[in-house]
N, C-alpha and C. Protein backbone atom coordinates (compact mmCIF):
# COMPACT_ATOMS: atom_id res chain seq x y z
N MET A 1 -25.64 4.49 -45.60
CA MET A 1 -26.59 3.46 -45.23
C MET A 1 -27.98 3.93 -45.69
N THR A 2 -28.70 3.03 -46.36
CA THR A 2 -30.02 3.38 -46.87
C THR A 2 -31.03 3.38 -45.72
N ALA A 3 -32.18 4.00 -45.96
CA ALA A 3 -33.24 4.05 -44.95
C ALA A 3 -33.70 2.64 -44.59
N PHE A 4 -33.81 1.77 -45.60
CA PHE A 4 -34.22 0.40 -45.34
C PHE A 4 -33.24 -0.32 -44.42
N MET A 5 -31.94 -0.13 -44.67
CA MET A 5 -30.92 -0.78 -43.85
C MET A 5 -30.97 -0.25 -42.41
N ARG A 6 -31.21 1.06 -42.24
CA ARG A 6 -31.30 1.62 -40.89
C ARG A 6 -32.49 1.04 -40.15
N ILE A 7 -33.62 0.91 -40.83
CA ILE A 7 -34.81 0.33 -40.20
C ILE A 7 -34.56 -1.12 -39.85
N ALA A 8 -33.96 -1.89 -40.77
CA ALA A 8 -33.67 -3.30 -40.52
C ALA A 8 -32.69 -3.44 -39.35
N PHE A 9 -31.66 -2.61 -39.33
CA PHE A 9 -30.67 -2.65 -38.25
C PHE A 9 -31.33 -2.31 -36.91
N THR A 10 -32.19 -1.29 -36.87
CA THR A 10 -32.89 -0.91 -35.64
C THR A 10 -33.80 -2.03 -35.17
N ALA A 11 -34.54 -2.64 -36.10
CA ALA A 11 -35.43 -3.74 -35.74
C ALA A 11 -34.64 -4.92 -35.19
N LEU A 12 -33.51 -5.23 -35.81
CA LEU A 12 -32.67 -6.32 -35.34
C LEU A 12 -32.11 -6.02 -33.94
N ALA A 13 -31.70 -4.79 -33.72
CA ALA A 13 -31.17 -4.40 -32.41
C ALA A 13 -32.24 -4.52 -31.34
N CYS A 14 -33.47 -4.07 -31.64
CA CYS A 14 -34.58 -4.18 -30.68
C CYS A 14 -34.89 -5.64 -30.38
N LEU A 15 -34.86 -6.48 -31.40
CA LEU A 15 -35.11 -7.90 -31.21
C LEU A 15 -34.04 -8.53 -30.32
N MET A 16 -32.79 -8.18 -30.55
CA MET A 16 -31.69 -8.71 -29.73
C MET A 16 -31.84 -8.28 -28.27
N ILE A 17 -32.21 -7.04 -28.04
CA ILE A 17 -32.41 -6.54 -26.67
C ILE A 17 -33.54 -7.29 -26.01
N ALA A 18 -34.65 -7.49 -26.71
CA ALA A 18 -35.79 -8.20 -26.15
C ALA A 18 -35.44 -9.64 -25.80
N VAL A 19 -34.72 -10.32 -26.69
CA VAL A 19 -34.34 -11.71 -26.46
C VAL A 19 -33.38 -11.83 -25.28
N THR A 20 -32.36 -10.98 -25.22
CA THR A 20 -31.40 -11.08 -24.11
C THR A 20 -32.03 -10.66 -22.80
N SER A 21 -32.97 -9.73 -22.82
CA SER A 21 -33.67 -9.35 -21.58
C SER A 21 -34.49 -10.51 -21.07
N ALA A 22 -35.20 -11.18 -21.96
CA ALA A 22 -36.02 -12.33 -21.55
C ALA A 22 -35.15 -13.45 -21.02
N MET A 23 -34.00 -13.69 -21.66
CA MET A 23 -33.11 -14.75 -21.21
C MET A 23 -32.54 -14.43 -19.84
N SER A 24 -32.14 -13.21 -19.60
CA SER A 24 -31.56 -12.87 -18.30
C SER A 24 -32.62 -12.89 -17.22
N ALA A 25 -33.88 -12.59 -17.56
CA ALA A 25 -34.95 -12.65 -16.56
C ALA A 25 -35.19 -14.09 -16.14
N ASP A 26 -35.12 -15.02 -17.08
CA ASP A 26 -35.31 -16.43 -16.74
C ASP A 26 -34.13 -16.96 -15.94
N ALA A 27 -32.94 -16.54 -16.25
CA ALA A 27 -31.74 -17.07 -15.61
C ALA A 27 -31.61 -16.59 -14.17
N HIS A 28 -32.05 -15.39 -13.88
CA HIS A 28 -31.89 -14.83 -12.55
C HIS A 28 -33.17 -14.19 -12.05
N PRO A 29 -34.17 -15.01 -11.67
CA PRO A 29 -35.41 -14.41 -11.17
C PRO A 29 -35.13 -13.68 -9.86
N ARG A 30 -35.96 -12.70 -9.58
CA ARG A 30 -35.81 -11.96 -8.33
C ARG A 30 -35.99 -12.90 -7.16
N LYS A 31 -35.24 -12.66 -6.13
CA LYS A 31 -35.34 -13.46 -4.90
C LYS A 31 -36.45 -12.89 -4.05
N GLU A 32 -37.66 -13.42 -4.21
CA GLU A 32 -38.81 -12.95 -3.45
C GLU A 32 -39.59 -14.12 -2.88
N ALA A 33 -40.12 -13.89 -1.71
CA ALA A 33 -41.04 -14.83 -1.09
C ALA A 33 -42.25 -14.02 -0.64
N GLU A 34 -43.39 -14.68 -0.56
CA GLU A 34 -44.61 -13.99 -0.11
C GLU A 34 -45.25 -14.74 1.03
N THR A 35 -45.82 -13.97 1.93
CA THR A 35 -46.56 -14.51 3.07
C THR A 35 -47.87 -13.77 3.17
N GLU A 36 -48.93 -14.51 3.47
CA GLU A 36 -50.23 -13.89 3.71
C GLU A 36 -50.72 -14.28 5.10
N ILE A 37 -51.17 -13.28 5.83
CA ILE A 37 -51.69 -13.49 7.18
C ILE A 37 -53.15 -13.05 7.18
N SER A 38 -54.05 -13.99 7.49
CA SER A 38 -55.48 -13.68 7.49
C SER A 38 -56.20 -14.56 8.52
N TYR A 39 -57.41 -14.15 8.86
CA TYR A 39 -58.19 -14.89 9.85
C TYR A 39 -59.08 -15.90 9.16
N ASN A 40 -59.10 -17.13 9.67
CA ASN A 40 -59.96 -18.18 9.16
C ASN A 40 -61.08 -18.38 10.18
N GLU A 41 -62.29 -17.92 9.84
CA GLU A 41 -63.42 -18.02 10.77
C GLU A 41 -63.78 -19.46 11.09
N ASN A 42 -63.66 -20.36 10.11
CA ASN A 42 -64.02 -21.76 10.34
C ASN A 42 -63.12 -22.40 11.39
N ALA A 43 -61.84 -22.07 11.36
CA ALA A 43 -60.89 -22.65 12.31
C ALA A 43 -60.73 -21.79 13.55
N ASN A 44 -61.28 -20.56 13.52
CA ASN A 44 -61.13 -19.61 14.62
C ASN A 44 -59.66 -19.38 14.95
N ARG A 45 -58.85 -19.27 13.90
CA ARG A 45 -57.42 -19.07 14.05
C ARG A 45 -56.91 -18.15 12.94
N VAL A 46 -55.77 -17.55 13.18
CA VAL A 46 -55.09 -16.77 12.17
C VAL A 46 -54.21 -17.72 11.38
N GLU A 47 -54.30 -17.65 10.05
CA GLU A 47 -53.48 -18.50 9.18
C GLU A 47 -52.33 -17.68 8.61
N ILE A 48 -51.17 -18.29 8.58
CA ILE A 48 -49.98 -17.68 8.01
C ILE A 48 -49.51 -18.61 6.90
N ILE A 49 -49.56 -18.13 5.68
CA ILE A 49 -49.23 -18.95 4.52
C ILE A 49 -48.00 -18.35 3.84
N HIS A 50 -46.91 -19.12 3.84
CA HIS A 50 -45.65 -18.69 3.23
C HIS A 50 -45.48 -19.38 1.88
N ARG A 51 -44.91 -18.67 0.91
CA ARG A 51 -44.64 -19.25 -0.41
C ARG A 51 -43.21 -18.90 -0.81
N TYR A 52 -42.40 -19.95 -1.06
CA TYR A 52 -40.98 -19.79 -1.44
C TYR A 52 -40.72 -20.56 -2.72
N ARG A 53 -39.83 -20.06 -3.55
CA ARG A 53 -39.41 -20.81 -4.74
C ARG A 53 -38.60 -22.03 -4.29
N ILE A 54 -38.85 -23.15 -4.94
CA ILE A 54 -38.15 -24.39 -4.58
C ILE A 54 -36.64 -24.21 -4.71
N HIS A 55 -36.19 -23.64 -5.81
CA HIS A 55 -34.75 -23.49 -6.03
C HIS A 55 -34.10 -22.69 -4.90
N ASP A 56 -34.71 -21.57 -4.52
CA ASP A 56 -34.16 -20.74 -3.44
C ASP A 56 -34.19 -21.48 -2.11
N SER A 57 -35.25 -22.24 -1.89
CA SER A 57 -35.39 -23.00 -0.64
C SER A 57 -34.32 -24.08 -0.54
N GLU A 58 -34.12 -24.82 -1.63
CA GLU A 58 -33.12 -25.89 -1.61
C GLU A 58 -31.71 -25.34 -1.46
N SER A 59 -31.40 -24.27 -2.18
CA SER A 59 -30.04 -23.72 -2.06
C SER A 59 -29.79 -23.21 -0.64
N THR A 60 -30.82 -22.70 0.00
CA THR A 60 -30.69 -22.28 1.39
C THR A 60 -30.44 -23.47 2.30
N LEU A 61 -31.23 -24.53 2.12
CA LEU A 61 -31.02 -25.75 2.92
C LEU A 61 -29.62 -26.31 2.72
N HIS A 62 -29.17 -26.35 1.48
CA HIS A 62 -27.83 -26.88 1.19
C HIS A 62 -26.78 -26.10 1.96
N ARG A 63 -26.89 -24.78 1.94
CA ARG A 63 -25.89 -23.93 2.60
C ARG A 63 -26.00 -24.03 4.12
N VAL A 64 -27.22 -23.96 4.65
CA VAL A 64 -27.42 -23.97 6.11
C VAL A 64 -27.01 -25.30 6.72
N HIS A 65 -27.32 -26.40 6.04
CA HIS A 65 -27.03 -27.73 6.58
C HIS A 65 -25.77 -28.36 5.99
N GLY A 66 -25.14 -27.70 5.03
CA GLY A 66 -23.91 -28.24 4.45
C GLY A 66 -24.11 -29.57 3.75
N ASP A 67 -25.28 -29.79 3.19
CA ASP A 67 -25.60 -31.07 2.56
C ASP A 67 -26.31 -30.82 1.23
N THR A 68 -25.59 -30.96 0.13
CA THR A 68 -26.17 -30.70 -1.19
C THR A 68 -27.07 -31.83 -1.68
N SER A 69 -27.16 -32.93 -0.93
CA SER A 69 -28.04 -34.01 -1.35
C SER A 69 -29.49 -33.80 -0.90
N LEU A 70 -29.75 -32.79 -0.06
CA LEU A 70 -31.11 -32.53 0.40
C LEU A 70 -31.98 -32.08 -0.78
N SER A 71 -33.13 -32.74 -0.94
CA SER A 71 -34.05 -32.41 -2.03
C SER A 71 -35.44 -32.16 -1.47
N ILE A 72 -35.89 -30.94 -1.54
CA ILE A 72 -37.22 -30.61 -1.04
C ILE A 72 -38.29 -31.32 -1.85
N MET A 73 -38.02 -31.56 -3.12
CA MET A 73 -39.01 -32.22 -3.99
C MET A 73 -39.29 -33.66 -3.59
N THR A 74 -38.26 -34.38 -3.11
CA THR A 74 -38.43 -35.82 -2.91
C THR A 74 -38.16 -36.31 -1.49
N ASP A 75 -37.57 -35.49 -0.65
CA ASP A 75 -37.10 -35.96 0.65
C ASP A 75 -37.93 -35.36 1.79
N PRO A 76 -38.74 -36.17 2.48
CA PRO A 76 -39.54 -35.67 3.60
C PRO A 76 -38.67 -35.04 4.71
N ARG A 77 -37.46 -35.56 4.89
CA ARG A 77 -36.56 -34.98 5.89
C ARG A 77 -36.17 -33.55 5.50
N ALA A 78 -35.86 -33.33 4.22
CA ALA A 78 -35.52 -31.99 3.74
C ALA A 78 -36.71 -31.05 3.89
N GLN A 79 -37.90 -31.55 3.61
CA GLN A 79 -39.11 -30.73 3.76
C GLN A 79 -39.30 -30.32 5.23
N ALA A 80 -39.10 -31.27 6.14
CA ALA A 80 -39.23 -30.96 7.57
C ALA A 80 -38.16 -29.96 8.01
N LEU A 81 -36.95 -30.14 7.52
CA LEU A 81 -35.87 -29.20 7.86
C LEU A 81 -36.19 -27.79 7.37
N PHE A 82 -36.79 -27.70 6.19
CA PHE A 82 -37.13 -26.37 5.69
C PHE A 82 -38.25 -25.74 6.52
N GLY A 83 -39.22 -26.54 6.94
CA GLY A 83 -40.28 -26.03 7.82
C GLY A 83 -39.70 -25.51 9.13
N GLU A 84 -38.75 -26.25 9.71
CA GLU A 84 -38.08 -25.81 10.94
C GLU A 84 -37.28 -24.54 10.69
N TYR A 85 -36.65 -24.46 9.53
CA TYR A 85 -35.88 -23.27 9.17
C TYR A 85 -36.78 -22.04 9.14
N VAL A 86 -37.94 -22.16 8.49
CA VAL A 86 -38.88 -21.04 8.42
C VAL A 86 -39.34 -20.65 9.82
N GLU A 87 -39.67 -21.66 10.64
CA GLU A 87 -40.09 -21.39 12.03
C GLU A 87 -39.05 -20.57 12.80
N SER A 88 -37.78 -20.82 12.53
CA SER A 88 -36.73 -20.15 13.27
C SER A 88 -36.46 -18.73 12.79
N ARG A 89 -37.03 -18.35 11.64
CA ARG A 89 -36.72 -17.04 11.07
C ARG A 89 -37.93 -16.15 10.82
N PHE A 90 -39.10 -16.63 11.18
CA PHE A 90 -40.32 -15.82 11.08
C PHE A 90 -40.98 -15.78 12.45
N SER A 91 -41.26 -14.58 12.93
CA SER A 91 -41.89 -14.46 14.24
C SER A 91 -42.76 -13.21 14.30
N ILE A 92 -43.72 -13.24 15.21
CA ILE A 92 -44.58 -12.10 15.48
C ILE A 92 -44.70 -11.97 16.99
N SER A 93 -44.58 -10.76 17.48
CA SER A 93 -44.83 -10.52 18.91
C SER A 93 -45.91 -9.44 19.03
N HIS A 94 -46.64 -9.52 20.14
CA HIS A 94 -47.72 -8.57 20.44
C HIS A 94 -47.44 -7.96 21.80
N ASN A 95 -47.24 -6.65 21.82
CA ASN A 95 -46.92 -5.95 23.07
C ASN A 95 -45.76 -6.62 23.81
N GLY A 96 -44.75 -7.04 23.06
CA GLY A 96 -43.54 -7.61 23.64
C GLY A 96 -43.59 -9.10 23.93
N GLN A 97 -44.72 -9.75 23.69
CA GLN A 97 -44.86 -11.19 23.96
C GLN A 97 -44.93 -11.95 22.63
N ALA A 98 -44.07 -12.95 22.48
CA ALA A 98 -44.06 -13.74 21.24
C ALA A 98 -45.39 -14.47 21.07
N LEU A 99 -45.95 -14.41 19.86
CA LEU A 99 -47.15 -15.18 19.58
C LEU A 99 -46.76 -16.64 19.37
N PRO A 100 -47.60 -17.56 19.83
CA PRO A 100 -47.31 -18.99 19.61
C PRO A 100 -47.67 -19.40 18.19
N LEU A 101 -46.68 -19.46 17.33
CA LEU A 101 -46.90 -19.87 15.94
C LEU A 101 -46.77 -21.38 15.85
N GLU A 102 -47.79 -22.02 15.33
CA GLU A 102 -47.79 -23.48 15.20
C GLU A 102 -47.57 -23.85 13.74
N LEU A 103 -46.55 -24.68 13.50
CA LEU A 103 -46.30 -25.18 12.16
C LEU A 103 -47.32 -26.27 11.86
N VAL A 104 -48.16 -26.04 10.85
CA VAL A 104 -49.22 -26.98 10.50
C VAL A 104 -48.72 -27.98 9.47
N GLY A 105 -47.88 -27.52 8.54
CA GLY A 105 -47.37 -28.41 7.51
C GLY A 105 -46.92 -27.62 6.30
N GLY A 106 -46.82 -28.33 5.19
CA GLY A 106 -46.38 -27.69 3.96
C GLY A 106 -46.69 -28.57 2.77
N GLU A 107 -46.45 -28.03 1.60
CA GLU A 107 -46.64 -28.79 0.37
C GLU A 107 -45.81 -28.18 -0.74
N ILE A 108 -45.64 -28.95 -1.80
CA ILE A 108 -44.92 -28.52 -2.99
C ILE A 108 -45.94 -28.39 -4.11
N GLU A 109 -45.96 -27.23 -4.77
CA GLU A 109 -46.91 -27.05 -5.86
C GLU A 109 -46.42 -25.96 -6.80
N ASP A 110 -46.44 -26.24 -8.09
CA ASP A 110 -46.13 -25.25 -9.14
C ASP A 110 -44.79 -24.56 -8.93
N GLY A 111 -43.77 -25.29 -8.52
CA GLY A 111 -42.44 -24.71 -8.37
C GLY A 111 -42.23 -23.96 -7.07
N PHE A 112 -43.18 -24.08 -6.14
CA PHE A 112 -43.08 -23.37 -4.87
C PHE A 112 -43.20 -24.34 -3.70
N VAL A 113 -42.59 -23.94 -2.60
CA VAL A 113 -42.76 -24.62 -1.32
C VAL A 113 -43.73 -23.76 -0.52
N TRP A 114 -44.80 -24.35 -0.05
CA TRP A 114 -45.79 -23.65 0.76
C TRP A 114 -45.65 -24.15 2.19
N ILE A 115 -45.52 -23.24 3.12
CA ILE A 115 -45.42 -23.57 4.55
C ILE A 115 -46.60 -22.92 5.24
N TYR A 116 -47.31 -23.70 6.08
CA TYR A 116 -48.51 -23.22 6.75
C TYR A 116 -48.30 -23.16 8.26
N GLN A 117 -48.64 -22.02 8.84
CA GLN A 117 -48.60 -21.84 10.28
C GLN A 117 -49.94 -21.26 10.73
N THR A 118 -50.25 -21.42 12.01
CA THR A 118 -51.43 -20.79 12.58
C THR A 118 -51.06 -20.21 13.94
N THR A 119 -51.93 -19.33 14.43
CA THR A 119 -51.80 -18.76 15.76
C THR A 119 -53.20 -18.37 16.21
N PRO A 120 -53.43 -18.26 17.52
CA PRO A 120 -54.75 -17.80 17.96
C PRO A 120 -55.04 -16.40 17.43
N GLU A 121 -56.30 -15.99 17.54
CA GLU A 121 -56.71 -14.67 17.04
C GLU A 121 -55.79 -13.58 17.57
N MET A 122 -55.46 -12.64 16.70
CA MET A 122 -54.58 -11.53 17.06
C MET A 122 -55.44 -10.31 17.40
N PRO A 123 -55.36 -9.80 18.64
CA PRO A 123 -56.19 -8.66 19.04
C PRO A 123 -55.92 -7.43 18.16
N ALA A 124 -56.94 -6.60 18.01
CA ALA A 124 -56.81 -5.40 17.19
C ALA A 124 -55.98 -4.33 17.88
N ASP A 125 -55.94 -4.33 19.20
CA ASP A 125 -55.18 -3.29 19.91
C ASP A 125 -53.74 -3.72 20.13
N GLY A 126 -52.90 -2.75 20.41
CA GLY A 126 -51.51 -3.05 20.75
C GLY A 126 -50.58 -2.98 19.56
N LEU A 127 -49.31 -3.10 19.89
CA LEU A 127 -48.23 -2.99 18.91
C LEU A 127 -47.70 -4.38 18.56
N TYR A 128 -47.56 -4.63 17.28
CA TYR A 128 -46.99 -5.89 16.79
C TYR A 128 -45.61 -5.63 16.21
N VAL A 129 -44.73 -6.59 16.41
CA VAL A 129 -43.41 -6.57 15.79
C VAL A 129 -43.26 -7.89 15.05
N MET A 130 -42.91 -7.80 13.78
CA MET A 130 -42.74 -9.00 12.96
C MET A 130 -41.31 -9.07 12.44
N ARG A 131 -40.79 -10.29 12.44
CA ARG A 131 -39.48 -10.56 11.83
C ARG A 131 -39.72 -11.55 10.71
N SER A 132 -39.16 -11.24 9.55
CA SER A 132 -39.28 -12.14 8.39
C SER A 132 -37.96 -12.09 7.64
N ASN A 133 -37.02 -12.94 8.07
CA ASN A 133 -35.72 -12.94 7.39
C ASN A 133 -35.36 -14.32 6.80
N GLU A 134 -36.39 -15.08 6.43
CA GLU A 134 -36.16 -16.36 5.78
C GLU A 134 -35.39 -16.14 4.48
N LEU A 135 -34.44 -17.02 4.22
CA LEU A 135 -33.60 -17.08 3.03
C LEU A 135 -32.56 -15.96 2.95
N MET A 136 -32.64 -14.96 3.82
CA MET A 136 -31.73 -13.82 3.74
C MET A 136 -30.32 -14.15 4.18
N ASP A 137 -30.14 -15.19 4.97
CA ASP A 137 -28.80 -15.56 5.39
C ASP A 137 -28.01 -16.20 4.24
N VAL A 138 -28.70 -16.58 3.17
CA VAL A 138 -28.03 -17.17 2.01
C VAL A 138 -28.13 -16.25 0.79
N HIS A 139 -29.30 -15.68 0.57
CA HIS A 139 -29.54 -14.84 -0.60
C HIS A 139 -29.55 -13.37 -0.16
N GLN A 140 -28.48 -12.66 -0.46
CA GLN A 140 -28.34 -11.28 -0.01
C GLN A 140 -29.40 -10.35 -0.58
N ASP A 141 -29.91 -10.65 -1.76
CA ASP A 141 -30.91 -9.78 -2.38
C ASP A 141 -32.34 -10.26 -2.16
N GLN A 142 -32.53 -11.15 -1.17
CA GLN A 142 -33.85 -11.69 -0.85
C GLN A 142 -34.78 -10.58 -0.35
N THR A 143 -36.02 -10.59 -0.83
CA THR A 143 -37.07 -9.71 -0.36
C THR A 143 -38.25 -10.57 0.05
N ASN A 144 -38.75 -10.36 1.26
CA ASN A 144 -39.93 -11.07 1.73
C ASN A 144 -41.08 -10.07 1.82
N ILE A 145 -42.18 -10.41 1.20
CA ILE A 145 -43.35 -9.55 1.14
C ILE A 145 -44.43 -10.21 1.98
N VAL A 146 -44.93 -9.48 2.99
CA VAL A 146 -45.94 -10.02 3.89
C VAL A 146 -47.20 -9.18 3.78
N HIS A 147 -48.31 -9.84 3.46
CA HIS A 147 -49.61 -9.18 3.37
C HIS A 147 -50.38 -9.50 4.65
N VAL A 148 -50.75 -8.46 5.40
CA VAL A 148 -51.51 -8.63 6.64
C VAL A 148 -52.94 -8.20 6.34
N ARG A 149 -53.86 -9.15 6.48
CA ARG A 149 -55.28 -8.87 6.22
C ARG A 149 -56.09 -9.31 7.46
N LEU A 150 -56.13 -8.42 8.44
CA LEU A 150 -56.81 -8.71 9.71
C LEU A 150 -57.54 -7.46 10.21
N HIS A 151 -58.69 -7.64 10.84
CA HIS A 151 -59.44 -6.55 11.47
C HIS A 151 -59.64 -5.37 10.53
N GLY A 152 -59.91 -5.65 9.27
CA GLY A 152 -60.14 -4.59 8.29
C GLY A 152 -58.86 -3.96 7.75
N LEU A 153 -57.72 -4.33 8.30
CA LEU A 153 -56.45 -3.80 7.82
C LEU A 153 -55.99 -4.64 6.63
N ASN A 154 -55.53 -3.96 5.62
CA ASN A 154 -54.95 -4.64 4.46
C ASN A 154 -53.63 -3.93 4.18
N GLU A 155 -52.56 -4.44 4.78
CA GLU A 155 -51.27 -3.78 4.71
C GLU A 155 -50.21 -4.75 4.17
N THR A 156 -49.28 -4.20 3.41
CA THR A 156 -48.18 -4.99 2.90
C THR A 156 -46.89 -4.49 3.53
N LEU A 157 -46.13 -5.42 4.10
CA LEU A 157 -44.85 -5.11 4.72
C LEU A 157 -43.75 -5.73 3.87
N ILE A 158 -42.67 -4.99 3.67
CA ILE A 158 -41.54 -5.45 2.85
C ILE A 158 -40.33 -5.64 3.76
N PHE A 159 -39.71 -6.82 3.67
CA PHE A 159 -38.54 -7.14 4.49
C PHE A 159 -37.34 -7.42 3.58
N THR A 160 -36.19 -6.86 3.95
CA THR A 160 -34.94 -7.10 3.25
C THR A 160 -33.86 -7.34 4.30
N ARG A 161 -32.65 -7.59 3.85
CA ARG A 161 -31.54 -7.77 4.81
C ARG A 161 -31.35 -6.55 5.70
N SER A 162 -31.56 -5.37 5.14
CA SER A 162 -31.35 -4.16 5.94
C SER A 162 -32.58 -3.84 6.80
N THR A 163 -33.73 -4.43 6.50
CA THR A 163 -34.94 -4.20 7.30
C THR A 163 -35.67 -5.53 7.54
N PRO A 164 -35.11 -6.41 8.38
CA PRO A 164 -35.76 -7.71 8.62
C PRO A 164 -36.88 -7.65 9.65
N TRP A 165 -37.14 -6.48 10.25
CA TRP A 165 -38.16 -6.30 11.27
C TRP A 165 -39.13 -5.20 10.83
N ALA A 166 -40.38 -5.28 11.27
CA ALA A 166 -41.35 -4.22 11.01
C ALA A 166 -42.32 -4.16 12.18
N THR A 167 -42.81 -2.98 12.46
CA THR A 167 -43.85 -2.81 13.48
C THR A 167 -45.14 -2.40 12.78
N PHE A 168 -46.26 -2.82 13.37
CA PHE A 168 -47.56 -2.46 12.80
C PHE A 168 -48.62 -2.57 13.88
N ARG A 169 -49.74 -1.97 13.61
CA ARG A 169 -50.92 -2.05 14.48
C ARG A 169 -52.09 -2.52 13.63
N LEU A 170 -53.02 -3.22 14.24
CA LEU A 170 -54.18 -3.70 13.52
C LEU A 170 -55.38 -2.78 13.67
N ASP A 171 -55.27 -1.75 14.53
CA ASP A 171 -56.40 -0.83 14.75
C ASP A 171 -56.30 0.42 13.88
N GLY A 172 -55.32 0.48 12.98
CA GLY A 172 -55.19 1.61 12.09
C GLY A 172 -54.38 2.77 12.65
N SER A 173 -53.95 2.69 13.91
CA SER A 173 -53.14 3.76 14.51
C SER A 173 -51.74 3.73 13.93
N ASP A 174 -51.09 4.88 13.99
CA ASP A 174 -49.69 4.96 13.55
C ASP A 174 -48.81 4.14 14.49
N THR A 175 -47.73 3.62 13.95
CA THR A 175 -46.80 2.82 14.77
C THR A 175 -45.68 3.67 15.33
N TYR A 176 -45.57 4.92 14.93
CA TYR A 176 -44.46 5.76 15.39
C TYR A 176 -44.93 6.80 16.37
């Protein structure tokens, strides 16, 4: 094999790897959702903003409700069911008492379902326990990433099927 043929063969192999990698990334995106928790001074409330991929949300609704006709894109009933689903699988407690999370609403934008919740101000002292297992009952490889930005704390918590709960403090103290 000539040097030119080896170079051409190597270039072709690299191109094939790049193309198949890109195709597989599009076909099977990672199962991730993100949530941000921050204080809104204007509303004097803590805002909880969840972001889920539409496809993952719909497949979860189909499985949980046994109805493949549910469409988050077009059906207000499906949208409400998904909001209720999120409410049932995301929670925060402070010193053993559940925080009152209020579902404010949701919207569809750029391929994502956004769910909005609020709660009264969260004190800086005490121990918090958070559960975030949305979509995990359907998608085994689901990862939920929660960013907590309160009282000067900027912490990211990662939730998976094996770790659907996390403890944290807002005063910077260790949780253990």
